[in-house]
Amino acid sequence: MQITGLDRINRCGGVALLTEQEVSRSWNRLFAAGTEVTADTFSRAETLLEELRPESPLYHRLQNELVEIRELRSPKKTKPKKRAIKLKI
């Protein structure tokens, strides 16, 4: 999936930025129900975050969502069960 919406961009010092609405829409498409989440999906999500100003509330919300999604999608590391040891006295 490509990040689209560049036909309606904001110009900020000659740099093309997506609007918050466009970033939000693209974000929702990336993580829509039923879509496979891959390493490429995370890369695209990070690219979308770069389109937002760091002080933007949407930036902070999506950044937190990305952390949560990574935690949910990452393989869970299971700790080996501790076995009780009988001590002979």
PDB file of N, CA and C in Angstrom:
ATOM      1  N   MET A   1       0.839  -1.171   0.000  1.00  0.00           N
ATOM      2  CA  MET A   1       0.000   0.000   0.000  1.00  0.00           C
ATOM      3  C   MET A   1       0.887   1.238   0.000  1.00  0.00           C
ATOM      4  N   GLN A   2       0.623   2.161  -0.888  1.00  0.00           N
ATOM      5  CA  GLN A   2       1.394   3.389  -0.941  1.00  0.00           C
ATOM      6  C   GLN A   2       0.685   4.489  -0.181  1.00  0.00           C
ATOM      7  N   ILE A   3       1.478   5.378   0.374  1.00  0.00           N
ATOM      8  CA  ILE A   3       0.919   6.539   1.052  1.00  0.00           C
ATOM      9  C   ILE A   3       0.502   7.520  -0.021  1.00  0.00           C
ATOM     10  N   THR A   4      -0.776   7.817  -0.056  1.00  0.00           N
ATOM     11  CA  THR A   4      -1.292   8.686  -1.098  1.00  0.00           C
ATOM     12  C   THR A   4      -1.810   9.979  -0.489  1.00  0.00           C
ATOM     13  N   GLY A   5      -2.383  10.802  -1.320  1.00  0.00           N
ATOM     14  CA  GLY A   5      -2.933  12.065  -0.856  1.00  0.00           C
ATOM     15  C   GLY A   5      -1.994  13.227  -1.092  1.00  0.00           C
ATOM     16  N   LEU A   6      -0.948  12.984  -1.873  1.00  0.00           N
ATOM     17  CA  LEU A   6       0.012  14.051  -2.111  1.00  0.00           C
ATOM     18  C   LEU A   6      -0.544  15.139  -3.020  1.00  0.00           C
ATOM     19  N   ASP A   7      -1.708  14.884  -3.609  1.00  0.00           N
ATOM     20  CA  ASP A   7      -2.313  15.917  -4.434  1.00  0.00           C
ATOM     21  C   ASP A   7      -2.874  17.047  -3.567  1.00  0.00           C
ATOM     22  N   ARG A   8      -3.113  16.753  -2.286  1.00  0.00           N
ATOM     23  CA  ARG A   8      -3.624  17.764  -1.358  1.00  0.00           C
ATOM     24  C   ARG A   8      -2.647  17.904  -0.208  1.00  0.00           C
ATOM     25  N   ILE A   9      -1.528  18.525  -0.453  1.00  0.00           N
ATOM     26  CA  ILE A   9      -0.472  18.621   0.548  1.00  0.00           C
ATOM     27  C   ILE A   9      -0.347  20.027   1.082  1.00  0.00           C
ATOM     28  N   ASN A  10       0.220  20.119   2.254  1.00  0.00           N
ATOM     29  CA  ASN A  10       0.585  21.416   2.812  1.00  0.00           C
ATOM     30  C   ASN A  10       2.019  21.703   2.401  1.00  0.00           C
ATOM     31  N   ARG A  11       2.291  22.919   2.112  1.00  0.00           N
ATOM     32  CA  ARG A  11       3.672  23.312   1.812  1.00  0.00           C
ATOM     33  C   ARG A  11       4.237  24.014   3.033  1.00  0.00           C
ATOM     34  N   CYS A  12       5.321  23.473   3.534  1.00  0.00           N
ATOM     35  CA  CYS A  12       5.945  24.018   4.738  1.00  0.00           C
ATOM     36  C   CYS A  12       7.440  24.141   4.447  1.00  0.00           C
ATOM     37  N   GLY A  13       7.877  25.328   4.063  1.00  0.00           N
ATOM     38  CA  GLY A  13       9.279  25.526   3.752  1.00  0.00           C
ATOM     39  C   GLY A  13       9.741  24.702   2.570  1.00  0.00           C
ATOM     40  N   GLY A  14       8.860  24.473   1.602  1.00  0.00           N
ATOM     41  CA  GLY A  14       9.220  23.702   0.425  1.00  0.00           C
ATOM     42  C   GLY A  14       9.134  22.201   0.614  1.00  0.00           C
ATOM     43  N   VAL A  15       8.763  21.748   1.814  1.00  0.00           N
ATOM     44  CA  VAL A  15       8.647  20.328   2.094  1.00  0.00           C
ATOM     45  C   VAL A  15       7.172  19.939   2.067  1.00  0.00           C
ATOM     46  N   ALA A  16       6.850  18.905   1.344  1.00  0.00           N
ATOM     47  CA  ALA A  16       5.468  18.456   1.241  1.00  0.00           C
ATOM     48  C   ALA A  16       5.110  17.610   2.462  1.00  0.00           C
ATOM     49  N   LEU A  17       4.053  18.006   3.163  1.00  0.00           N
ATOM     50  CA  LEU A  17       3.585  17.254   4.309  1.00  0.00           C
ATOM     51  C   LEU A  17       2.133  16.843   4.101  1.00  0.00           C
ATOM     52  N   LEU A  18       1.805  15.653   4.552  1.00  0.00           N
ATOM     53  CA  LEU A  18       0.419  15.230   4.510  1.00  0.00           C
ATOM     54  C   LEU A  18      -0.331  15.930   5.639  1.00  0.00           C
ATOM     55  N   THR A  19      -1.623  16.134   5.465  1.00  0.00           N
ATOM     56  CA  THR A  19      -2.416  16.707   6.542  1.00  0.00           C
ATOM     57  C   THR A  19      -2.642  15.633   7.601  1.00  0.00           C
ATOM     58  N   GLU A  20      -3.047  16.049   8.800  1.00  0.00           N
ATOM     59  CA  GLU A  20      -3.328  15.089   9.854  1.00  0.00           C
ATOM     60  C   GLU A  20      -4.453  14.148   9.444  1.00  0.00           C
ATOM     61  N   GLN A  21      -5.419  14.670   8.720  1.00  0.00           N
ATOM     62  CA  GLN A  21      -6.529  13.842   8.261  1.00  0.00           C
ATOM     63  C   GLN A  21      -6.030  12.755   7.301  1.00  0.00           C
ATOM     64  N   GLU A  22      -5.124  13.114   6.401  1.00  0.00           N
ATOM     65  CA  GLU A  22      -4.581  12.147   5.451  1.00  0.00           C
ATOM     66  C   GLU A  22      -3.730  11.092   6.152  1.00  0.00           C
ATOM     67  N   VAL A  23      -2.958  11.526   7.145  1.00  0.00           N
ATOM     68  CA  VAL A  23      -2.147  10.585   7.911  1.00  0.00           C
ATOM     69  C   VAL A  23      -3.056   9.617   8.662  1.00  0.00           C
ATOM     70  N   SER A  24      -4.095  10.150   9.282  1.00  0.00           N
ATOM     71  CA  SER A  24      -5.031   9.322  10.030  1.00  0.00           C
ATOM     72  C   SER A  24      -5.726   8.303   9.120  1.00  0.00           C
ATOM     73  N   ARG A  25      -6.136   8.742   7.968  1.00  0.00           N
ATOM     74  CA  ARG A  25      -6.806   7.851   7.007  1.00  0.00           C
ATOM     75  C   ARG A  25      -5.847   6.746   6.550  1.00  0.00           C
ATOM     76  N   SER A  26      -4.630   7.113   6.209  1.00  0.00           N
ATOM     77  CA  SER A  26      -3.644   6.122   5.767  1.00  0.00           C
ATOM     78  C   SER A  26      -3.306   5.146   6.893  1.00  0.00           C
ATOM     79  N   TRP A  27      -3.222   5.659   8.125  1.00  0.00           N
ATOM     80  CA  TRP A  27      -2.940   4.824   9.296  1.00  0.00           C
ATOM     81  C   TRP A  27      -4.034   3.771   9.471  1.00  0.00           C
ATOM     82  N   ASN A  28      -5.279   4.220   9.357  1.00  0.00           N
ATOM     83  CA  ASN A  28      -6.403   3.297   9.507  1.00  0.00           C
ATOM     84  C   ASN A  28      -6.389   2.217   8.430  1.00  0.00           C
ATOM     85  N   ARG A  29      -5.976   2.572   7.233  1.00  0.00           N
ATOM     86  CA  ARG A  29      -5.878   1.576   6.157  1.00  0.00           C
ATOM     87  C   ARG A  29      -4.759   0.567   6.439  1.00  0.00           C
ATOM     88  N   LEU A  30      -3.657   1.058   6.984  1.00  0.00           N
ATOM     89  CA  LEU A  30      -2.534   0.162   7.282  1.00  0.00           C
ATOM     90  C   LEU A  30      -2.926  -0.918   8.282  1.00  0.00           C
ATOM     91  N   PHE A  31      -3.664  -0.512   9.312  1.00  0.00           N
ATOM     92  CA  PHE A  31      -3.974  -1.429  10.397  1.00  0.00           C
ATOM     93  C   PHE A  31      -5.447  -1.828  10.426  1.00  0.00           C
ATOM     94  N   ALA A  32      -6.091  -1.831   9.272  1.00  0.00           N
ATOM     95  CA  ALA A  32      -7.501  -2.235   9.192  1.00  0.00           C
ATOM     96  C   ALA A  32      -7.641  -3.706   9.568  1.00  0.00           C
ATOM     97  N   ALA A  33      -8.804  -4.029  10.098  1.00  0.00           N
ATOM     98  CA  ALA A  33      -9.076  -5.418  10.483  1.00  0.00           C
ATOM     99  C   ALA A  33      -8.947  -6.321   9.261  1.00  0.00           C
ATOM    100  N   GLY A  34      -8.296  -7.441   9.465  1.00  0.00           N
ATOM    101  CA  GLY A  34      -8.148  -8.403   8.384  1.00  0.00           C
ATOM    102  C   GLY A  34      -6.916  -8.203   7.524  1.00  0.00           C
ATOM    103  N   THR A  35      -6.167  -7.118   7.741  1.00  0.00           N
ATOM    104  CA  THR A  35      -4.951  -6.916   6.959  1.00  0.00           C
ATOM    105  C   THR A  35      -3.763  -7.514   7.707  1.00  0.00           C
ATOM    106  N   GLU A  36      -2.833  -8.048   6.957  1.00  0.00           N
ATOM    107  CA  GLU A  36      -1.649  -8.652   7.552  1.00  0.00           C
ATOM    108  C   GLU A  36      -0.670  -7.556   7.965  1.00  0.00           C
ATOM    109  N   VAL A  37      -0.165  -7.656   9.180  1.00  0.00           N
ATOM    110  CA  VAL A  37       0.803  -6.691   9.678  1.00  0.00           C
ATOM    111  C   VAL A  37       2.193  -7.303   9.551  1.00  0.00           C
ATOM    112  N   THR A  38       3.022  -6.669   8.725  1.00  0.00           N
ATOM    113  CA  THR A  38       4.376  -7.164   8.467  1.00  0.00           C
ATOM    114  C   THR A  38       5.392  -6.096   8.862  1.00  0.00           C
ATOM    115  N   ALA A  39       6.652  -6.408   8.674  1.00  0.00           N
ATOM    116  CA  ALA A  39       7.713  -5.432   8.935  1.00  0.00           C
ATOM    117  C   ALA A  39       7.539  -4.211   8.033  1.00  0.00           C
ATOM    118  N   ASP A  40       7.072  -4.438   6.808  1.00  0.00           N
ATOM    119  CA  ASP A  40       6.825  -3.340   5.882  1.00  0.00           C
ATOM    120  C   ASP A  40       5.713  -2.425   6.399  1.00  0.00           C
ATOM    121  N   THR A  41       4.712  -3.005   7.038  1.00  0.00           N
ATOM    122  CA  THR A  41       3.626  -2.211   7.612  1.00  0.00           C
ATOM    123  C   THR A  41       4.169  -1.273   8.682  1.00  0.00           C
ATOM    124  N   PHE A  42       5.051  -1.790   9.534  1.00  0.00           N
ATOM    125  CA  PHE A  42       5.643  -0.956  10.579  1.00  0.00           C
ATOM    126  C   PHE A  42       6.502   0.153   9.974  1.00  0.00           C
ATOM    127  N   SER A  43       7.216  -0.165   8.917  1.00  0.00           N
ATOM    128  CA  SER A  43       8.038   0.830   8.234  1.00  0.00           C
ATOM    129  C   SER A  43       7.161   1.953   7.672  1.00  0.00           C
ATOM    130  N   ARG A  44       6.062   1.575   7.061  1.00  0.00           N
ATOM    131  CA  ARG A  44       5.143   2.584   6.507  1.00  0.00           C
ATOM    132  C   ARG A  44       4.503   3.414   7.605  1.00  0.00           C
ATOM    133  N   ALA A  45       4.193   2.782   8.724  1.00  0.00           N
ATOM    134  CA  ALA A  45       3.620   3.517   9.858  1.00  0.00           C
ATOM    135  C   ALA A  45       4.615   4.555  10.376  1.00  0.00           C
ATOM    136  N   GLU A  46       5.886   4.177  10.452  1.00  0.00           N
ATOM    137  CA  GLU A  46       6.910   5.128  10.890  1.00  0.00           C
ATOM    138  C   GLU A  46       7.047   6.284   9.902  1.00  0.00           C
ATOM    139  N   THR A  47       6.917   5.990   8.616  1.00  0.00           N
ATOM    140  CA  THR A  47       6.964   7.035   7.598  1.00  0.00           C
ATOM    141  C   THR A  47       5.801   8.001   7.783  1.00  0.00           C
ATOM    142  N   LEU A  48       4.640   7.472   8.095  1.00  0.00           N
ATOM    143  CA  LEU A  48       3.490   8.338   8.349  1.00  0.00           C
ATOM    144  C   LEU A  48       3.733   9.228   9.563  1.00  0.00           C
ATOM    145  N   LEU A  49       4.324   8.674  10.602  1.00  0.00           N
ATOM    146  CA  LEU A  49       4.620   9.477  11.795  1.00  0.00           C
ATOM    147  C   LEU A  49       5.566  10.631  11.475  1.00  0.00           C
ATOM    148  N   GLU A  50       6.493  10.388  10.556  1.00  0.00           N
ATOM    149  CA  GLU A  50       7.440  11.433  10.163  1.00  0.00           C
ATOM    150  C   GLU A  50       6.746  12.600   9.465  1.00  0.00           C
ATOM    151  N   GLU A  51       5.544  12.358   8.943  1.00  0.00           N
ATOM    152  CA  GLU A  51       4.788  13.409   8.263  1.00  0.00           C
ATOM    153  C   GLU A  51       4.168  14.399   9.249  1.00  0.00           C
ATOM    154  N   LEU A  52       4.102  14.019  10.527  1.00  0.00           N
ATOM    155  CA  LEU A  52       3.474  14.869  11.532  1.00  0.00           C
ATOM    156  C   LEU A  52       4.508  15.653  12.321  1.00  0.00           C
ATOM    157  N   ARG A  53       4.080  16.791  12.816  1.00  0.00           N
ATOM    158  CA  ARG A  53       4.961  17.570  13.691  1.00  0.00           C
ATOM    159  C   ARG A  53       5.106  16.836  15.018  1.00  0.00           C
ATOM    160  N   PRO A  54       6.285  16.841  15.617  1.00  0.00           N
ATOM    161  CA  PRO A  54       6.496  16.119  16.883  1.00  0.00           C
ATOM    162  C   PRO A  54       5.589  16.598  18.021  1.00  0.00           C
ATOM    163  N   GLU A  55       5.135  17.838  17.976  1.00  0.00           N
ATOM    164  CA  GLU A  55       4.287  18.358  19.046  1.00  0.00           C
ATOM    165  C   GLU A  55       2.798  18.089  18.803  1.00  0.00           C
ATOM    166  N   SER A  56       2.478  17.460  17.694  1.00  0.00           N
ATOM    167  CA  SER A  56       1.091  17.174  17.349  1.00  0.00           C
ATOM    168  C   SER A  56       0.498  16.108  18.285  1.00  0.00           C
ATOM    169  N   PRO A  57      -0.709  16.335  18.812  1.00  0.00           N
ATOM    170  CA  PRO A  57      -1.360  15.305  19.630  1.00  0.00           C
ATOM    171  C   PRO A  57      -1.583  14.009  18.850  1.00  0.00           C
ATOM    172  N   LEU A  58      -1.862  14.123  17.557  1.00  0.00           N
ATOM    173  CA  LEU A  58      -2.044  12.930  16.731  1.00  0.00           C
ATOM    174  C   LEU A  58      -0.743  12.134  16.654  1.00  0.00           C
ATOM    175  N   TYR A  59       0.381  12.819  16.567  1.00  0.00           N
ATOM    176  CA  TYR A  59       1.691  12.161  16.538  1.00  0.00           C
ATOM    177  C   TYR A  59       1.865  11.295  17.790  1.00  0.00           C
ATOM    178  N   HIS A  60       1.569  11.879  18.945  1.00  0.00           N
ATOM    179  CA  HIS A  60       1.748  11.152  20.206  1.00  0.00           C
ATOM    180  C   HIS A  60       0.789   9.964  20.313  1.00  0.00           C
ATOM    181  N   ARG A  61      -0.444  10.150  19.866  1.00  0.00           N
ATOM    182  CA  ARG A  61      -1.429   9.070  19.927  1.00  0.00           C
ATOM    183  C   ARG A  61      -1.012   7.912  19.028  1.00  0.00           C
ATOM    184  N   LEU A  62      -0.626   8.225  17.796  1.00  0.00           N
ATOM    185  CA  LEU A  62      -0.243   7.174  16.859  1.00  0.00           C
ATOM    186  C   LEU A  62       1.062   6.500  17.261  1.00  0.00           C
ATOM    187  N   GLN A  63       1.972   7.267  17.835  1.00  0.00           N
ATOM    188  CA  GLN A  63       3.231   6.694  18.288  1.00  0.00           C
ATOM    189  C   GLN A  63       2.966   5.665  19.401  1.00  0.00           C
ATOM    190  N   ASN A  64       2.063   6.009  20.319  1.00  0.00           N
ATOM    191  CA  ASN A  64       1.706   5.067  21.381  1.00  0.00           C
ATOM    192  C   ASN A  64       0.995   3.843  20.812  1.00  0.00           C
ATOM    193  N   GLU A  65       0.127   4.048  19.839  1.00  0.00           N
ATOM    194  CA  GLU A  65      -0.560   2.923  19.189  1.00  0.00           C
ATOM    195  C   GLU A  65       0.445   1.984  18.533  1.00  0.00           C
ATOM    196  N   LEU A  66       1.445   2.556  17.876  1.00  0.00           N
ATOM    197  CA  LEU A  66       2.446   1.742  17.193  1.00  0.00           C
ATOM    198  C   LEU A  66       3.216   0.872  18.195  1.00  0.00           C
ATOM    199  N   VAL A  67       3.547   1.438  19.337  1.00  0.00           N
ATOM    200  CA  VAL A  67       4.236   0.670  20.380  1.00  0.00           C
ATOM    201  C   VAL A  67       3.351  -0.484  20.845  1.00  0.00           C
ATOM    202  N   GLU A  68       2.063  -0.203  21.066  1.00  0.00           N
ATOM    203  CA  GLU A  68       1.141  -1.245  21.511  1.00  0.00           C
ATOM    204  C   GLU A  68       0.955  -2.329  20.452  1.00  0.00           C
ATOM    205  N   ILE A  69       0.842  -1.929  19.194  1.00  0.00           N
ATOM    206  CA  ILE A  69       0.674  -2.907  18.112  1.00  0.00           C
ATOM    207  C   ILE A  69       1.906  -3.792  18.012  1.00  0.00           C
ATOM    208  N   ARG A  70       3.083  -3.193  18.141  1.00  0.00           N
ATOM    209  CA  ARG A  70       4.321  -3.996  18.105  1.00  0.00           C
ATOM    210  C   ARG A  70       4.339  -5.015  19.227  1.00  0.00           C
ATOM    211  N   GLU A  71       3.915  -4.583  20.416  1.00  0.00           N
ATOM    212  CA  GLU A  71       3.910  -5.500  21.560  1.00  0.00           C
ATOM    213  C   GLU A  71       2.921  -6.644  21.331  1.00  0.00           C
ATOM    214  N   LEU A  72       1.768  -6.328  20.746  1.00  0.00           N
ATOM    215  CA  LEU A  72       0.765  -7.364  20.495  1.00  0.00           C
ATOM    216  C   LEU A  72       1.199  -8.329  19.409  1.00  0.00           C
ATOM    217  N   ARG A  73       1.927  -7.845  18.407  1.00  0.00           N
ATOM    218  CA  ARG A  73       2.320  -8.666  17.262  1.00  0.00           C
ATOM    219  C   ARG A  73       3.623  -9.415  17.479  1.00  0.00           C
ATOM    220  N   SER A  74       4.402  -8.995  18.462  1.00  0.00           N
ATOM    221  CA  SER A  74       5.695  -9.643  18.656  1.00  0.00           C
ATOM    222  C   SER A  74       5.489 -11.006  19.317  1.00  0.00           C
ATOM    223  N   PRO A  75       6.337 -11.953  18.968  1.00  0.00           N
ATOM    224  CA  PRO A  75       6.210 -13.271  19.596  1.00  0.00           C
ATOM    225  C   PRO A  75       6.470 -13.147  21.090  1.00  0.00           C
ATOM    226  N   LYS A  76       5.613 -13.780  21.847  1.00  0.00           N
ATOM    227  CA  LYS A  76       5.749 -13.690  23.297  1.00  0.00           C
ATOM    228  C   LYS A  76       6.854 -14.615  23.762  1.00  0.00           C
ATOM    229  N   LYS A  77       7.710 -14.068  24.577  1.00  0.00           N
ATOM    230  CA  LYS A  77       8.797 -14.856  25.126  1.00  0.00           C
ATOM    231  C   LYS A  77       8.286 -15.520  26.401  1.00  0.00           C
ATOM    232  N   THR A  78       8.329 -16.807  26.413  1.00  0.00           N
ATOM    233  CA  THR A  78       7.867 -17.532  27.588  1.00  0.00           C
ATOM    234  C   THR A  78       9.060 -17.882  28.456  1.00  0.00           C
ATOM    235  N   LYS A  79       8.877 -17.638  29.710  1.00  0.00           N
ATOM    236  CA  LYS A  79       9.928 -17.979  30.655  1.00  0.00           C
ATOM    237  C   LYS A  79       9.740 -19.436  31.062  1.00  0.00           C
ATOM    238  N   PRO A  80      10.829 -20.132  31.198  1.00  0.00           N
ATOM    239  CA  PRO A  80      10.688 -21.524  31.637  1.00  0.00           C
ATOM    240  C   PRO A  80      10.103 -21.554  33.052  1.00  0.00           C
ATOM    241  N   LYS A  81       9.247 -22.536  33.285  1.00  0.00           N
ATOM    242  CA  LYS A  81       8.644 -22.655  34.604  1.00  0.00           C
ATOM    243  C   LYS A  81       9.687 -23.063  35.606  1.00  0.00           C
ATOM    244  N   LYS A  82       9.593 -22.446  36.761  1.00  0.00           N
ATOM    245  CA  LYS A  82      10.516 -22.809  37.842  1.00  0.00           C
ATOM    246  C   LYS A  82       9.988 -24.062  38.514  1.00  0.00           C
ATOM    247  N   ARG A  83      10.904 -24.952  38.725  1.00  0.00           N
ATOM    248  CA  ARG A  83      10.526 -26.199  39.395  1.00  0.00           C
ATOM    249  C   ARG A  83      10.926 -26.127  40.865  1.00  0.00           C
ATOM    250  N   ALA A  84      10.078 -26.655  41.657  1.00  0.00           N
ATOM    251  CA  ALA A  84      10.386 -26.684  43.091  1.00  0.00           C
ATOM    252  C   ALA A  84      11.499 -27.701  43.342  1.00  0.00           C
ATOM    253  N   ILE A  85      12.417 -27.329  44.158  1.00  0.00           N
ATOM    254  CA  ILE A  85      13.532 -28.202  44.491  1.00  0.00           C
ATOM    255  C   ILE A  85      13.390 -28.611  45.960  1.00  0.00           C
ATOM    256  N   LYS A  86      13.436 -29.903  46.178  1.00  0.00           N
ATOM    257  CA  LYS A  86      13.369 -30.394  47.541  1.00  0.00           C
ATOM    258  C   LYS A  86      14.780 -30.443  48.111  1.00  0.00           C
ATOM    259  N   LEU A  87      14.924 -29.818  49.236  1.00  0.00           N
ATOM    260  CA  LEU A  87      16.216 -29.832  49.898  1.00  0.00           C
ATOM    261  C   LEU A  87      16.230 -30.923  50.960  1.00  0.00           C
ATOM    262  N   LYS A  88      17.287 -31.698  50.998  1.00  0.00           N
ATOM    263  CA  LYS A  88      17.433 -32.725  52.015  1.00  0.00           C
ATOM    264  C   LYS A  88      18.277 -32.174  53.149  1.00  0.00           C
ATOM    265  N   ILE A  89      17.718 -32.230  54.308  1.00  0.00           N
ATOM    266  CA  ILE A  89      18.450 -31.705  55.461  1.00  0.00           C
ATOM    267  C   ILE A  89      18.804 -32.826  56.395  1.00  0.00           C
TER     268      ILE A  89
END
